[in-house]
Full PDB file with SEQRES, HELIX, SHEET, SSBOND, CRYST1, ORIGX, SCALE, CONECT and MASTER records, all heavy atoms in Angstrom:
SEQRES   1 A   31  GLY PHE LEU THR SER THR ASP PHE ILE ASN GLY LEU GLN          
SEQRES   2 A   31  GLU ASP PHE ILE PRO PHE HIS VAL GLY TYR ALA PHE THR          
SEQRES   3 A   31  LYS THR PHE LEU PHE                                          
HELIX    1 AA1 SER A    5  GLN A   13  1                                   9    
HELIX    2 AA2 PRO A   18  LEU A   30  1                                  13    
CRYST1    1.000    1.000    1.000  90.00  90.00  90.00 P 1           1          
ORIGX1      1.000000  0.000000  0.000000        0.00000                         
ORIGX2      0.000000  1.000000  0.000000        0.00000                         
ORIGX3      0.000000  0.000000  1.000000        0.00000                         
SCALE1      1.000000  0.000000  0.000000        0.00000                         
SCALE2      0.000000  1.000000  0.000000        0.00000                         
SCALE3      0.000000  0.000000  1.000000        0.00000                         
ATOM      1  N   GLY A   1      22.828  -2.124  23.962  1.00  0.00           N  
ATOM      2  CA  GLY A   1      23.224  -1.121  22.997  1.00  0.00           C  
ATOM      3  C   GLY A   1      23.296  -1.614  21.557  1.00  0.00           C  
ATOM      4  O   GLY A   1      23.861  -1.033  20.721  1.00  0.00           O  
ATOM      5  N   PHE A   2      22.622  -2.722  21.320  1.00  0.00           N  
ATOM      6  CA  PHE A   2      22.594  -3.278  19.902  1.00  0.00           C  
ATOM      7  C   PHE A   2      21.631  -2.668  19.031  1.00  0.00           C  
ATOM      8  O   PHE A   2      21.797  -2.570  17.793  1.00  0.00           O  
ATOM      9  CB  PHE A   2      22.297  -4.811  19.947  1.00  0.00           C  
ATOM     10  CG  PHE A   2      23.297  -5.579  20.750  1.00  0.00           C  
ATOM     11  CD1 PHE A   2      23.090  -6.133  22.018  1.00  0.00           C  
ATOM     12  CD2 PHE A   2      24.536  -5.816  20.175  1.00  0.00           C  
ATOM     13  CE1 PHE A   2      24.126  -6.824  22.665  1.00  0.00           C  
ATOM     14  CE2 PHE A   2      25.525  -6.588  20.868  1.00  0.00           C  
ATOM     15  CZ  PHE A   2      25.269  -7.028  22.168  1.00  0.00           C  
ATOM     16  N   LEU A   3      20.464  -2.101  19.565  1.00  0.00           N  
ATOM     17  CA  LEU A   3      19.453  -1.432  18.746  1.00  0.00           C  
ATOM     18  C   LEU A   3      18.591  -0.643  19.743  1.00  0.00           C  
ATOM     19  O   LEU A   3      18.640  -0.793  20.959  1.00  0.00           O  
ATOM     20  CB  LEU A   3      18.680  -2.293  17.964  1.00  0.00           C  
ATOM     21  CG  LEU A   3      17.618  -3.208  18.618  1.00  0.00           C  
ATOM     22  CD1 LEU A   3      16.749  -3.942  17.612  1.00  0.00           C  
ATOM     23  CD2 LEU A   3      17.990  -4.198  19.616  1.00  0.00           C  
ATOM     24  N   THR A   4      17.736   0.250  19.148  1.00  0.00           N  
ATOM     25  CA  THR A   4      16.852   1.017  20.009  1.00  0.00           C  
ATOM     26  C   THR A   4      15.531   0.285  20.190  1.00  0.00           C  
ATOM     27  O   THR A   4      15.234  -0.750  19.535  1.00  0.00           O  
ATOM     28  CB  THR A   4      16.472   2.414  19.239  1.00  0.00           C  
ATOM     29  OG1 THR A   4      15.711   2.095  18.025  1.00  0.00           O  
ATOM     30  CG2 THR A   4      17.711   3.156  18.885  1.00  0.00           C  
ATOM     31  N   SER A   5      14.868   0.679  21.178  1.00  0.00           N  
ATOM     32  CA  SER A   5      13.550   0.069  21.552  1.00  0.00           C  
ATOM     33  C   SER A   5      12.505   0.105  20.380  1.00  0.00           C  
ATOM     34  O   SER A   5      11.903  -0.748  20.090  1.00  0.00           O  
ATOM     35  CB  SER A   5      12.921   0.632  22.820  1.00  0.00           C  
ATOM     36  OG  SER A   5      11.645   0.143  23.019  1.00  0.00           O  
ATOM     37  N   THR A   6      12.576   1.189  19.643  1.00  0.00           N  
ATOM     38  CA  THR A   6      11.646   1.500  18.480  1.00  0.00           C  
ATOM     39  C   THR A   6      12.050   0.488  17.439  1.00  0.00           C  
ATOM     40  O   THR A   6      11.154  -0.160  16.777  1.00  0.00           O  
ATOM     41  CB  THR A   6      11.825   2.838  17.984  1.00  0.00           C  
ATOM     42  OG1 THR A   6      11.514   3.821  18.938  1.00  0.00           O  
ATOM     43  CG2 THR A   6      10.906   3.052  16.763  1.00  0.00           C  
ATOM     44  N   ASP A   7      13.299   0.222  17.102  1.00  0.00           N  
ATOM     45  CA  ASP A   7      13.718  -0.677  16.130  1.00  0.00           C  
ATOM     46  C   ASP A   7      13.229  -2.163  16.485  1.00  0.00           C  
ATOM     47  O   ASP A   7      12.811  -2.946  15.671  1.00  0.00           O  
ATOM     48  CB  ASP A   7      15.240  -0.704  15.882  1.00  0.00           C  
ATOM     49  CG  ASP A   7      15.735   0.548  15.121  1.00  0.00           C  
ATOM     50  OD1 ASP A   7      14.892   1.130  14.462  1.00  0.00           O  
ATOM     51  OD2 ASP A   7      16.882   0.944  15.291  1.00  0.00           O  
ATOM     52  N   PHE A   8      13.447  -2.544  17.708  1.00  0.00           N  
ATOM     53  CA  PHE A   8      13.114  -3.855  18.150  1.00  0.00           C  
ATOM     54  C   PHE A   8      11.531  -4.099  18.053  1.00  0.00           C  
ATOM     55  O   PHE A   8      11.162  -5.097  17.562  1.00  0.00           O  
ATOM     56  CB  PHE A   8      13.516  -4.085  19.662  1.00  0.00           C  
ATOM     57  CG  PHE A   8      13.405  -5.510  20.076  1.00  0.00           C  
ATOM     58  CD1 PHE A   8      14.367  -6.387  19.890  1.00  0.00           C  
ATOM     59  CD2 PHE A   8      12.174  -5.920  20.766  1.00  0.00           C  
ATOM     60  CE1 PHE A   8      14.289  -7.709  20.360  1.00  0.00           C  
ATOM     61  CE2 PHE A   8      12.070  -7.243  21.187  1.00  0.00           C  
ATOM     62  CZ  PHE A   8      13.154  -8.130  20.990  1.00  0.00           C  
ATOM     63  N   ILE A   9      10.780  -3.146  18.458  1.00  0.00           N  
ATOM     64  CA  ILE A   9       9.323  -3.241  18.397  1.00  0.00           C  
ATOM     65  C   ILE A   9       8.832  -3.246  16.954  1.00  0.00           C  
ATOM     66  O   ILE A   9       8.021  -4.013  16.578  1.00  0.00           O  
ATOM     67  CB  ILE A   9       8.651  -2.047  19.246  1.00  0.00           C  
ATOM     68  CG1 ILE A   9       8.987  -2.277  20.674  1.00  0.00           C  
ATOM     69  CG2 ILE A   9       7.094  -2.078  18.936  1.00  0.00           C  
ATOM     70  CD1 ILE A   9       8.518  -1.104  21.567  1.00  0.00           C  
ATOM     71  N   ASN A  10       9.516  -2.406  16.114  1.00  0.00           N  
ATOM     72  CA  ASN A  10       9.143  -2.459  14.700  1.00  0.00           C  
ATOM     73  C   ASN A  10       9.450  -3.915  14.119  1.00  0.00           C  
ATOM     74  O   ASN A  10       8.609  -4.369  13.284  1.00  0.00           O  
ATOM     75  CB  ASN A  10       9.983  -1.341  13.875  1.00  0.00           C  
ATOM     76  CG  ASN A  10       9.404   0.000  14.174  1.00  0.00           C  
ATOM     77  OD1 ASN A  10       8.223   0.152  14.614  1.00  0.00           O  
ATOM     78  ND2 ASN A  10      10.312   1.001  13.908  1.00  0.00           N  
ATOM     79  N   GLY A  11      10.595  -4.456  14.561  1.00  0.00           N  
ATOM     80  CA  GLY A  11      10.935  -5.847  14.077  1.00  0.00           C  
ATOM     81  C   GLY A  11       9.874  -6.793  14.547  1.00  0.00           C  
ATOM     82  O   GLY A  11       9.523  -7.772  13.848  1.00  0.00           O  
ATOM     83  N   LEU A  12       9.387  -6.671  15.772  1.00  0.00           N  
ATOM     84  CA  LEU A  12       8.283  -7.566  16.284  1.00  0.00           C  
ATOM     85  C   LEU A  12       7.102  -7.569  15.448  1.00  0.00           C  
ATOM     86  O   LEU A  12       6.380  -8.523  15.315  1.00  0.00           O  
ATOM     87  CB  LEU A  12       8.020  -7.245  17.711  1.00  0.00           C  
ATOM     88  CG  LEU A  12       9.169  -7.477  18.764  1.00  0.00           C  
ATOM     89  CD1 LEU A  12       8.599  -7.112  20.161  1.00  0.00           C  
ATOM     90  CD2 LEU A  12       9.586  -8.966  18.787  1.00  0.00           C  
ATOM     91  N   GLN A  13       6.695  -6.424  15.004  1.00  0.00           N  
ATOM     92  CA  GLN A  13       5.443  -6.184  14.258  1.00  0.00           C  
ATOM     93  C   GLN A  13       5.614  -6.493  12.730  1.00  0.00           C  
ATOM     94  O   GLN A  13       4.547  -6.641  12.116  1.00  0.00           O  
ATOM     95  CB  GLN A  13       5.003  -4.775  14.435  1.00  0.00           C  
ATOM     96  CG  GLN A  13       4.664  -4.423  15.931  1.00  0.00           C  
ATOM     97  CD  GLN A  13       4.318  -2.955  16.080  1.00  0.00           C  
ATOM     98  OE1 GLN A  13       4.768  -2.034  15.290  1.00  0.00           O  
ATOM     99  NE2 GLN A  13       3.634  -2.561  17.219  1.00  0.00           N  
ATOM    100  N   GLU A  14       6.816  -6.678  12.204  1.00  0.00           N  
ATOM    101  CA  GLU A  14       7.141  -6.694  10.770  1.00  0.00           C  
ATOM    102  C   GLU A  14       6.585  -8.157  10.365  1.00  0.00           C  
ATOM    103  O   GLU A  14       7.095  -9.124  10.816  1.00  0.00           O  
ATOM    104  CB  GLU A  14       8.510  -6.497  10.547  1.00  0.00           C  
ATOM    105  CG  GLU A  14       8.921  -6.573   9.093  1.00  0.00           C  
ATOM    106  CD  GLU A  14      10.379  -6.237   8.776  1.00  0.00           C  
ATOM    107  OE1 GLU A  14      11.045  -5.763   9.800  1.00  0.00           O  
ATOM    108  OE2 GLU A  14      10.869  -6.435   7.701  1.00  0.00           O  
ATOM    109  N   ASP A  15       5.776  -8.220   9.333  1.00  0.00           N  
ATOM    110  CA  ASP A  15       5.415  -9.396   8.641  1.00  0.00           C  
ATOM    111  C   ASP A  15       4.873 -10.417   9.661  1.00  0.00           C  
ATOM    112  O   ASP A  15       5.199 -11.683   9.554  1.00  0.00           O  
ATOM    113  CB  ASP A  15       6.563  -9.980   7.804  1.00  0.00           C  
ATOM    114  CG  ASP A  15       6.922  -9.146   6.629  1.00  0.00           C  
ATOM    115  OD1 ASP A  15       6.038  -8.475   6.184  1.00  0.00           O  
ATOM    116  OD2 ASP A  15       8.136  -9.157   6.235  1.00  0.00           O  
ATOM    117  N   PHE A  16       4.091 -10.098  10.668  1.00  0.00           N  
ATOM    118  CA  PHE A  16       3.600 -11.076  11.606  1.00  0.00           C  
ATOM    119  C   PHE A  16       2.527 -11.901  11.005  1.00  0.00           C  
ATOM    120  O   PHE A  16       1.551 -11.404  10.405  1.00  0.00           O  
ATOM    121  CB  PHE A  16       3.049 -10.251  12.811  1.00  0.00           C  
ATOM    122  CG  PHE A  16       2.469 -11.187  13.856  1.00  0.00           C  
ATOM    123  CD1 PHE A  16       3.220 -12.028  14.498  1.00  0.00           C  
ATOM    124  CD2 PHE A  16       1.084 -11.155  14.095  1.00  0.00           C  
ATOM    125  CE1 PHE A  16       2.632 -12.950  15.494  1.00  0.00           C  
ATOM    126  CE2 PHE A  16       0.495 -11.951  15.006  1.00  0.00           C  
ATOM    127  CZ  PHE A  16       1.297 -12.936  15.710  1.00  0.00           C  
ATOM    128  N   ILE A  17       2.718 -13.191  11.156  1.00  0.00           N  
ATOM    129  CA  ILE A  17       1.661 -14.156  10.696  1.00  0.00           C  
ATOM    130  C   ILE A  17       0.926 -14.812  11.892  1.00  0.00           C  
ATOM    131  O   ILE A  17       1.641 -15.583  12.549  1.00  0.00           O  
ATOM    132  CB  ILE A  17       2.328 -15.160   9.765  1.00  0.00           C  
ATOM    133  CG1 ILE A  17       3.007 -14.506   8.589  1.00  0.00           C  
ATOM    134  CG2 ILE A  17       1.317 -16.208   9.250  1.00  0.00           C  
ATOM    135  CD1 ILE A  17       3.835 -15.416   7.698  1.00  0.00           C  
ATOM    136  N   PRO A  18      -0.308 -14.514  12.122  1.00  0.00           N  
ATOM    137  CA  PRO A  18      -0.953 -15.084  13.352  1.00  0.00           C  
ATOM    138  C   PRO A  18      -0.931 -16.618  13.307  1.00  0.00           C  
ATOM    139  O   PRO A  18      -0.968 -17.237  14.379  1.00  0.00           O  
ATOM    140  CB  PRO A  18      -2.376 -14.576  13.247  1.00  0.00           C  
ATOM    141  CG  PRO A  18      -2.242 -13.295  12.429  1.00  0.00           C  
ATOM    142  CD  PRO A  18      -1.102 -13.521  11.492  1.00  0.00           C  
ATOM    143  N   PHE A  19      -0.944 -17.223  12.137  1.00  0.00           N  
ATOM    144  CA  PHE A  19      -0.919 -18.745  12.047  1.00  0.00           C  
ATOM    145  C   PHE A  19       0.307 -19.288  12.743  1.00  0.00           C  
ATOM    146  O   PHE A  19       0.276 -20.503  13.246  1.00  0.00           O  
ATOM    147  CB  PHE A  19      -0.953 -19.188  10.532  1.00  0.00           C  
ATOM    148  CG  PHE A  19      -0.817 -20.724  10.497  1.00  0.00           C  
ATOM    149  CD1 PHE A  19      -1.972 -21.517  10.802  1.00  0.00           C  
ATOM    150  CD2 PHE A  19       0.314 -21.236   9.999  1.00  0.00           C  
ATOM    151  CE1 PHE A  19      -1.836 -22.864  10.700  1.00  0.00           C  
ATOM    152  CE2 PHE A  19       0.391 -22.716   9.821  1.00  0.00           C  
ATOM    153  CZ  PHE A  19      -0.644 -23.403  10.222  1.00  0.00           C  
ATOM    154  N   HIS A  20       1.427 -18.625  12.825  1.00  0.00           N  
ATOM    155  CA  HIS A  20       2.618 -19.119  13.505  1.00  0.00           C  
ATOM    156  C   HIS A  20       2.313 -19.355  14.934  1.00  0.00           C  
ATOM    157  O   HIS A  20       2.914 -20.403  15.540  1.00  0.00           O  
ATOM    158  CB  HIS A  20       3.760 -18.184  13.291  1.00  0.00           C  
ATOM    159  CG  HIS A  20       4.303 -18.186  11.923  1.00  0.00           C  
ATOM    160  ND1 HIS A  20       5.250 -17.238  11.475  1.00  0.00           N  
ATOM    161  CD2 HIS A  20       4.120 -19.041  10.917  1.00  0.00           C  
ATOM    162  CE1 HIS A  20       5.588 -17.553  10.225  1.00  0.00           C  
ATOM    163  NE2 HIS A  20       4.906 -18.573   9.841  1.00  0.00           N  
ATOM    164  N   VAL A  21       1.559 -18.521  15.536  1.00  0.00           N  
ATOM    165  CA  VAL A  21       1.148 -18.786  16.955  1.00  0.00           C  
ATOM    166  C   VAL A  21       0.251 -19.985  17.129  1.00  0.00           C  
ATOM    167  O   VAL A  21       0.452 -20.724  17.991  1.00  0.00           O  
ATOM    168  CB  VAL A  21       0.472 -17.504  17.577  1.00  0.00           C  
ATOM    169  CG1 VAL A  21       0.092 -17.752  19.026  1.00  0.00           C  
ATOM    170  CG2 VAL A  21       1.393 -16.231  17.470  1.00  0.00           C  
ATOM    171  N   GLY A  22      -0.659 -20.143  16.187  1.00  0.00           N  
ATOM    172  CA  GLY A  22      -1.505 -21.347  16.177  1.00  0.00           C  
ATOM    173  C   GLY A  22      -0.716 -22.601  15.904  1.00  0.00           C  
ATOM    174  O   GLY A  22      -0.930 -23.549  16.579  1.00  0.00           O  
ATOM    175  N   TYR A  23       0.328 -22.475  15.070  1.00  0.00           N  
ATOM    176  CA  TYR A  23       1.239 -23.615  14.908  1.00  0.00           C  
ATOM    177  C   TYR A  23       1.984 -24.022  16.125  1.00  0.00           C  
ATOM    178  O   TYR A  23       2.107 -25.192  16.454  1.00  0.00           O  
ATOM    179  CB  TYR A  23       2.186 -23.280  13.770  1.00  0.00           C  
ATOM    180  CG  TYR A  23       3.538 -23.994  13.665  1.00  0.00           C  
ATOM    181  CD1 TYR A  23       3.538 -25.300  13.268  1.00  0.00           C  
ATOM    182  CD2 TYR A  23       4.624 -23.366  14.180  1.00  0.00           C  
ATOM    183  CE1 TYR A  23       4.820 -25.992  13.196  1.00  0.00           C  
ATOM    184  CE2 TYR A  23       5.909 -24.053  14.184  1.00  0.00           C  
ATOM    185  CZ  TYR A  23       5.916 -25.365  13.688  1.00  0.00           C  
ATOM    186  OH  TYR A  23       7.186 -26.012  13.716  1.00  0.00           O  
ATOM    187  N   ALA A  24       2.432 -22.987  16.817  1.00  0.00           N  
ATOM    188  CA  ALA A  24       3.202 -23.278  18.066  1.00  0.00           C  
ATOM    189  C   ALA A  24       2.329 -23.940  19.157  1.00  0.00           C  
ATOM    190  O   ALA A  24       2.761 -24.863  19.810  1.00  0.00           O  
ATOM    191  CB  ALA A  24       3.787 -22.008  18.564  1.00  0.00           C  
ATOM    192  N   PHE A  25       1.033 -23.569  19.198  1.00  0.00           N  
ATOM    193  CA  PHE A  25       0.170 -24.074  20.277  1.00  0.00           C  
ATOM    194  C   PHE A  25      -0.297 -25.494  19.861  1.00  0.00           C  
ATOM    195  O   PHE A  25      -0.570 -26.340  20.726  1.00  0.00           O  
ATOM    196  CB  PHE A  25      -0.990 -23.120  20.487  1.00  0.00           C  
ATOM    197  CG  PHE A  25      -0.688 -21.932  21.369  1.00  0.00           C  
ATOM    198  CD1 PHE A  25      -0.991 -20.664  21.070  1.00  0.00           C  
ATOM    199  CD2 PHE A  25      -0.028 -22.123  22.603  1.00  0.00           C  
ATOM    200  CE1 PHE A  25      -0.758 -19.612  21.774  1.00  0.00           C  
ATOM    201  CE2 PHE A  25       0.331 -20.995  23.341  1.00  0.00           C  
ATOM    202  CZ  PHE A  25       0.021 -19.812  22.956  1.00  0.00           C  
ATOM    203  N   THR A  26      -0.427 -25.711  18.530  1.00  0.00           N  
ATOM    204  CA  THR A  26      -0.701 -27.069  18.060  1.00  0.00           C  
ATOM    205  C   THR A  26       0.335 -28.054  18.405  1.00  0.00           C  
ATOM    206  O   THR A  26       0.107 -29.095  18.939  1.00  0.00           O  
ATOM    207  CB  THR A  26      -0.930 -27.010  16.524  1.00  0.00           C  
ATOM    208  OG1 THR A  26      -1.998 -26.185  16.208  1.00  0.00           O  
ATOM    209  CG2 THR A  26      -1.249 -28.447  16.065  1.00  0.00           C  
ATOM    210  N   LYS A  27       1.625 -27.595  18.293  1.00  0.00           N  
ATOM    211  CA  LYS A  27       2.747 -28.398  18.689  1.00  0.00           C  
ATOM    212  C   LYS A  27       2.710 -28.617  20.253  1.00  0.00           C  
ATOM    213  O   LYS A  27       2.900 -29.772  20.700  1.00  0.00           O  
ATOM    214  CB  LYS A  27       4.037 -27.806  18.310  1.00  0.00           C  
ATOM    215  CG  LYS A  27       4.401 -27.780  16.871  1.00  0.00           C  
ATOM    216  CD  LYS A  27       5.884 -27.633  16.522  1.00  0.00           C  
ATOM    217  CE  LYS A  27       6.439 -26.361  17.186  1.00  0.00           C  
ATOM    218  NZ  LYS A  27       7.927 -26.182  16.787  1.00  0.00           N  
ATOM    219  N   THR A  28       2.420 -27.555  20.943  1.00  0.00           N  
ATOM    220  CA  THR A  28       2.470 -27.644  22.407  1.00  0.00           C  
ATOM    221  C   THR A  28       1.401 -28.700  22.928  1.00  0.00           C  
ATOM    222  O   THR A  28       1.797 -29.383  23.851  1.00  0.00           O  
ATOM    223  CB  THR A  28       2.200 -26.266  22.961  1.00  0.00           C  
ATOM    224  OG1 THR A  28       3.240 -25.400  22.459  1.00  0.00           O  
ATOM    225  CG2 THR A  28       2.295 -26.298  24.518  1.00  0.00           C  
ATOM    226  N   PHE A  29       0.258 -28.664  22.303  1.00  0.00           N  
ATOM    227  CA  PHE A  29      -0.781 -29.609  22.827  1.00  0.00           C  
ATOM    228  C   PHE A  29      -0.354 -31.011  22.725  1.00  0.00           C  
ATOM    229  O   PHE A  29      -0.476 -31.880  23.501  1.00  0.00           O  
ATOM    230  CB  PHE A  29      -2.066 -29.326  22.116  1.00  0.00           C  
ATOM    231  CG  PHE A  29      -3.006 -28.386  22.717  1.00  0.00           C  
ATOM    232  CD1 PHE A  29      -3.207 -27.164  22.104  1.00  0.00           C  
ATOM    233  CD2 PHE A  29      -3.632 -28.622  23.942  1.00  0.00           C  
ATOM    234  CE1 PHE A  29      -4.050 -26.110  22.654  1.00  0.00           C  
ATOM    235  CE2 PHE A  29      -4.392 -27.665  24.516  1.00  0.00           C  
ATOM    236  CZ  PHE A  29      -4.637 -26.517  23.914  1.00  0.00           C  
ATOM    237  N   LEU A  30       0.319 -31.330  21.467  1.00  0.00           N  
ATOM    238  CA  LEU A  30       0.779 -32.715  21.231  1.00  0.00           C  
ATOM    239  C   LEU A  30       1.946 -33.047  22.075  1.00  0.00           C  
ATOM    240  O   LEU A  30       2.060 -34.190  22.615  1.00  0.00           O  
ATOM    241  CB  LEU A  30       1.084 -32.878  19.820  1.00  0.00           C  
ATOM    242  CG  LEU A  30      -0.067 -32.881  18.831  1.00  0.00           C  
ATOM    243  CD1 LEU A  30       0.429 -32.940  17.373  1.00  0.00           C  
ATOM    244  CD2 LEU A  30      -1.004 -34.025  19.058  1.00  0.00           C  
ATOM    245  N   PHE A  31       2.889 -32.158  22.278  1.00  0.00           N  
ATOM    246  CA  PHE A  31       3.969 -32.257  23.210  1.00  0.00           C  
ATOM    247  C   PHE A  31       3.501 -32.536  24.601  1.00  0.00           C  
ATOM    248  O   PHE A  31       4.057 -33.379  25.417  1.00  0.00           O  
ATOM    249  CB  PHE A  31       4.889 -31.107  23.238  1.00  0.00           C  
ATOM    250  CG  PHE A  31       5.605 -30.880  21.977  1.00  0.00           C  
ATOM    251  CD1 PHE A  31       6.251 -29.680  21.624  1.00  0.00           C  
ATOM    252  CD2 PHE A  31       5.645 -31.896  20.926  1.00  0.00           C  
ATOM    253  CE1 PHE A  31       6.898 -29.429  20.500  1.00  0.00           C  
ATOM    254  CE2 PHE A  31       6.334 -31.675  19.683  1.00  0.00           C  
ATOM    255  CZ  PHE A  31       6.973 -30.477  19.575  1.00  0.00           C  
TER     256      PHE A  31                                                      
MASTER        0    0    0    2    0    0    0    6  255    1    0    3          
END                                                                             
């Protein structure tokens, strides 16, 4: 009951930077 599904999905899509996923996978390979 903290927020609606629409609000959560809008937040997921807001200012998404694909490089952040690449950064996470770069770390993962080294880890």
